[in-house]
Protein backbone atom coordinates (compact mmCIF):
# COMPACT_ATOMS: atom_id res chain seq x y z
CA UNK A 1 83.17 181.59 32.34
CA UNK A 2 85.53 182.78 34.74
CA UNK A 3 88.29 180.81 34.91
CA UNK A 4 90.07 179.53 38.54
CA UNK A 5 93.11 181.14 39.13
CA UNK A 6 93.61 179.89 43.33
CA UNK A 7 94.98 177.94 44.86
CA UNK A 8 92.65 178.59 47.48
CA UNK A 9 89.55 178.24 45.75
CA UNK A 10 87.25 175.38 47.49
CA UNK A 11 86.47 173.53 44.51
CA UNK A 12 90.51 173.40 44.27
CA UNK A 13 91.22 172.84 48.08
CA UNK A 14 88.77 169.74 47.99
CA UNK A 15 90.03 168.04 45.22
CA UNK A 16 93.57 168.42 46.58
CA UNK A 17 92.56 166.69 50.04
CA UNK A 18 91.32 163.58 48.23
CA UNK A 19 95.30 162.48 47.83
CA UNK A 20 94.49 162.14 51.45
CA UNK A 21 92.56 158.83 52.57
CA UNK A 22 90.92 160.46 55.35
CA UNK A 23 89.57 163.24 53.62
CA UNK A 24 87.88 160.41 51.00
CA UNK A 25 86.61 158.26 54.23
CA UNK A 26 85.14 161.63 55.48
CA UNK A 27 83.53 163.07 52.42
CA UNK A 28 82.35 159.74 50.71
CA UNK A 29 84.52 161.14 47.47
CA UNK A 30 87.40 160.30 45.25
CA UNK A 31 89.46 161.30 42.32
CA UNK A 32 89.99 160.84 39.05
CA UNK A 33 92.33 162.14 36.73
CA UNK A 34 92.64 162.02 33.19
CA UNK A 35 90.09 161.28 29.88
CA UNK A 36 90.02 157.29 29.92
CA UNK A 37 89.08 156.99 33.34
CA UNK A 38 86.49 159.70 33.27
CA UNK A 39 85.48 158.17 29.95
CA UNK A 40 85.10 154.76 31.38
CA UNK A 41 83.27 156.04 34.56
CA UNK A 42 79.69 154.21 34.74
CA UNK A 43 76.90 155.71 34.79
CA UNK A 44 75.90 154.42 38.33
CA UNK A 45 78.62 156.18 39.70
CA UNK A 46 77.64 160.23 40.58
CA UNK A 47 79.97 163.07 39.73
CA UNK A 48 80.33 165.66 41.72
CA UNK A 49 81.70 167.96 39.47
CA UNK A 50 84.99 168.30 37.15
CA UNK A 51 87.90 170.53 37.05
CA UNK A 52 89.32 171.10 33.34
CA UNK A 53 92.23 172.92 32.28
CA UNK A 54 91.56 176.37 30.22
CA UNK A 55 93.13 174.81 27.33
CA UNK A 56 91.87 171.46 27.17
CA UNK A 57 88.22 172.37 28.19
CA UNK A 58 87.34 172.30 24.31
CA UNK A 59 89.07 169.03 23.88
CA UNK A 60 87.07 167.36 26.97
CA UNK A 61 83.65 169.26 26.36
CA UNK A 62 82.31 165.41 25.36
CA UNK A 63 83.15 164.80 29.28
CA UNK A 64 81.89 167.64 30.68
CA UNK A 65 78.52 168.11 28.68
CA UNK A 66 75.23 167.59 31.32
CA UNK A 67 77.92 168.12 34.26
CA UNK A 68 79.24 170.72 36.71
CA UNK A 69 82.43 171.60 36.16
CA UNK A 70 84.71 174.43 36.61
CA UNK A 71 87.71 175.79 33.97
CA UNK A 72 90.82 176.46 35.78
CA UNK A 73 94.43 177.76 34.92
CA UNK A 74 96.95 175.50 33.93
CA UNK A 75 98.99 175.85 37.31
CA UNK A 76 96.04 175.35 39.46
CA UNK A 77 95.47 172.21 37.92
CA UNK A 78 98.60 170.79 38.30
CA UNK A 79 98.44 172.14 42.07
CA UNK A 80 95.18 170.18 42.10
CA UNK A 81 96.43 166.74 40.20
CA UNK A 82 98.04 163.87 42.12
CA UNK A 83 99.94 163.14 38.75
CA UNK A 84 103.83 164.84 38.39
CA UNK A 85 102.50 165.55 34.45
CA UNK A 86 98.40 166.29 34.76
CA UNK A 87 96.24 165.89 31.81
CA UNK A 88 94.33 168.58 32.37
CA UNK A 89 90.84 167.28 33.97
CA UNK A 90 89.55 166.01 36.93
CA UNK A 91 86.63 164.25 38.67
CA UNK A 92 85.01 164.24 41.90
CA UNK A 93 83.22 161.26 42.24
CA UNK A 94 81.21 159.65 45.13
CA UNK A 95 82.61 156.33 46.77
CA UNK A 96 80.41 153.38 46.01
CA UNK A 97 78.77 151.61 48.92
CA UNK A 98 79.24 148.17 49.24
CA UNK A 99 77.46 145.61 51.33
CA UNK A 100 79.18 142.60 52.48
CA UNK A 101 78.22 139.14 50.71
CA UNK A 102 79.81 136.19 49.97
CA UNK A 103 80.80 135.53 46.46
CA UNK A 104 78.92 133.28 43.81
CA UNK A 105 82.12 133.19 41.49
CA UNK A 106 85.66 132.68 42.33
CA UNK A 107 87.10 135.93 44.37
CA UNK A 108 90.57 136.96 46.10
CA UNK A 109 90.95 138.34 49.47
CA UNK A 110 94.50 140.67 49.74
CA UNK A 111 95.60 140.53 52.99
CA UNK A 112 97.15 143.60 54.16
CA UNK A 113 98.84 144.40 51.12
CA UNK A 114 100.38 147.96 50.71
CA UNK A 115 101.77 148.83 47.52
CA UNK A 116 99.04 150.86 45.19
CA UNK A 117 100.87 149.30 42.21
CA UNK A 118 100.47 146.12 43.10
CA UNK A 119 96.87 146.79 44.24
CA UNK A 120 96.02 147.89 40.65
CA UNK A 121 97.16 144.98 39.01
CA UNK A 122 95.46 142.78 40.60
CA UNK A 123 92.63 144.10 40.85
CA UNK A 124 93.05 144.67 36.36
CA UNK A 125 93.61 140.85 36.78
CA UNK A 126 90.68 139.95 39.16
CA UNK A 127 88.22 141.78 36.51
CA UNK A 128 89.78 140.15 33.39
CA UNK A 129 89.15 136.65 34.30
CA UNK A 130 86.18 137.53 36.58
CA UNK A 131 86.86 137.41 40.21
CA UNK A 132 85.46 139.18 43.33
CA UNK A 133 88.05 141.07 45.36
CA UNK A 134 88.01 141.03 49.17
CA UNK A 135 90.07 143.63 51.21
CA UNK A 136 91.15 143.30 54.27
CA UNK A 137 93.83 145.75 56.09
CA UNK A 138 94.52 146.36 52.86
CA UNK A 139 95.68 150.00 51.28
CA UNK A 140 92.66 152.31 49.80
CA UNK A 141 91.92 151.36 46.59
CA UNK A 142 90.64 154.64 46.11
CA UNK A 143 93.62 156.33 46.82
CA UNK A 144 95.05 158.04 42.99
CA UNK A 145 97.36 155.82 42.65
CA UNK A 146 95.58 152.71 42.93
CA UNK A 147 93.05 154.15 40.74
CA UNK A 148 95.14 155.02 38.06
CA UNK A 149 97.05 151.72 38.21
CA UNK A 150 93.66 149.84 38.06
CA UNK A 151 93.18 150.99 34.63
CA UNK A 152 89.19 151.16 35.05
CA UNK A 153 89.28 147.44 36.68
CA UNK A 154 88.25 149.40 39.39
CA UNK A 155 84.54 150.26 38.00
CA UNK A 156 84.28 146.54 36.70
CA UNK A 157 84.38 144.16 39.41
CA UNK A 158 82.83 143.67 43.04
CA UNK A 159 85.47 144.94 45.57
CA UNK A 160 84.52 144.87 49.01
CA UNK A 161 86.46 146.20 52.69
CA UNK A 162 85.99 143.52 55.41
CA UNK A 163 86.77 143.27 58.50
CA UNK A 164 87.94 139.80 60.52
CA UNK A 165 84.60 138.54 61.55
CA UNK A 166 83.50 138.98 57.46
CA UNK A 167 87.21 137.32 56.71
CA UNK A 168 86.38 134.00 58.56
CA UNK A 169 82.99 134.13 56.98
CA UNK A 170 84.60 134.25 53.65
CA UNK A 171 87.45 131.57 54.29
CA UNK A 172 85.33 129.12 56.18
CA UNK A 173 82.22 129.22 53.67
CA UNK A 174 83.85 128.92 50.56
CA UNK A 175 86.89 126.29 48.81
CA UNK A 176 89.98 128.78 50.53
CA UNK A 177 93.49 128.59 49.39
CA UNK A 178 96.55 130.69 50.71
CA UNK A 179 99.41 131.48 48.40
CA UNK A 180 102.39 130.58 50.91
CA UNK A 181 105.46 129.58 49.70
CA UNK A 182 105.31 125.99 51.61
CA UNK A 183 102.14 125.19 49.74
CA UNK A 184 101.26 122.33 47.34
CA UNK A 185 102.41 122.72 43.67
CA UNK A 186 99.80 124.82 42.42
CA UNK A 187 99.74 123.42 39.02
CA UNK A 188 99.19 119.89 40.11
CA UNK A 189 95.90 121.12 41.46
CA UNK A 190 92.10 120.44 40.08
CA UNK A 191 89.24 122.44 41.48
CA UNK A 192 85.93 121.41 41.60
CA UNK A 193 84.28 124.95 41.68
CA UNK A 194 84.53 128.46 43.11
CA UNK A 195 87.34 129.11 45.06
CA UNK A 196 88.76 132.13 47.14
CA UNK A 197 92.70 132.96 46.79
CA UNK A 198 94.21 134.42 49.63
CA UNK A 199 97.56 136.63 49.30
CA UNK A 200 99.52 138.42 51.48
CA UNK A 201 101.82 141.29 52.09
CA UNK A 202 104.30 142.22 49.86
CA UNK A 203 107.24 142.26 52.51
CA UNK A 204 105.67 139.50 55.54
CA UNK A 205 103.26 137.32 53.70
CA UNK A 206 99.68 136.53 54.76
CA UNK A 207 98.86 136.69 58.15
CA UNK A 208 99.09 133.75 60.59
CA UNK A 209 95.13 134.34 61.39
CA UNK A 210 94.90 133.97 57.68
CA UNK A 211 96.58 130.93 57.34
CA UNK A 212 94.89 129.30 60.30
CA UNK A 213 91.59 129.98 58.18
CA UNK A 214 92.04 128.73 54.84
CA UNK A 215 91.36 124.94 53.62
CA UNK A 216 94.75 124.49 52.12
CA UNK A 217 98.04 126.40 51.11
CA UNK A 218 98.95 126.65 47.52
CA UNK A 219 102.95 127.83 45.90
CA UNK A 220 104.14 128.06 42.47
CA UNK A 221 106.78 126.50 41.84
CA UNK A 222 109.81 128.19 40.50
CA UNK A 223 113.72 127.24 39.23
CA UNK A 224 117.13 129.27 39.49
CA UNK A 225 116.63 128.94 43.46
CA UNK A 226 114.16 131.95 43.03
CA UNK A 227 112.10 132.45 46.60
CA UNK A 228 109.21 134.35 45.60
CA UNK A 229 107.41 136.88 42.75
CA UNK A 230 105.91 139.88 43.43
CA UNK A 231 102.58 139.43 44.39
CA UNK A 232 100.86 140.75 41.89
CA UNK A 233 102.33 138.36 39.66
CA UNK A 234 101.58 135.23 41.83
CA UNK A 235 98.11 136.22 42.51
CA UNK A 236 97.78 136.76 38.62
CA UNK A 237 98.95 133.44 37.34
CA UNK A 238 97.20 132.14 40.35
CA UNK A 239 93.68 133.39 39.00
CA UNK A 240 94.59 132.63 35.48
CA UNK A 241 95.44 128.87 36.37
CA UNK A 242 92.19 128.35 38.81
CA UNK A 243 89.83 129.34 35.90
CA UNK A 244 91.65 127.14 33.61
CA UNK A 245 91.64 123.91 35.80
CA UNK A 246 87.86 124.26 36.93
């Protein structure tokens, strides 16, 4: 097989474009970098093709078997990759299509959360405790940074991007609580059934439109005059406490 050495190659350019949300949305594709993520990809996610570094082709042969792939020079892989130190293999994958539905389990709503690391951490925790994830005006979960931060959890929980009308349904038709510094002490509550927890933007918290819809507000008590926790930490604590107290 010929080795791709040009950054102008159509497949290399396509991979490079997937660092941009507009391209991901238009093409319905996203990229995975690294052996672990590609190995953990479920069969119902369609792989369009892979790029593999010439010096890694033998090592990753088991991931390439039965799939369309192209061998690239190390320099070309570095150009196409989103990471500083590429692992030598990239997959182009179809974005899954999900239709909005109300949860039949616990759920988390992210309202305008923007940091990819926070989003990835929250998704990992949600997968670990069995929460569905709903996103409202939140950063794209298929960005390379969120995909990496989620550590395969992206494939293991149901995730929905929703509009405000769907937000209203979610928060008014489920037992919903806002994570808010002015809320009741989380550790004094006991939940009777499935709940939806809403958490907000790192700098500004939850929007007023969300706060008006929830059934109540809850907060995590803190000592030493600390006013707030990182949104991923606070959300993870709340999710674990919720399942413990149900």
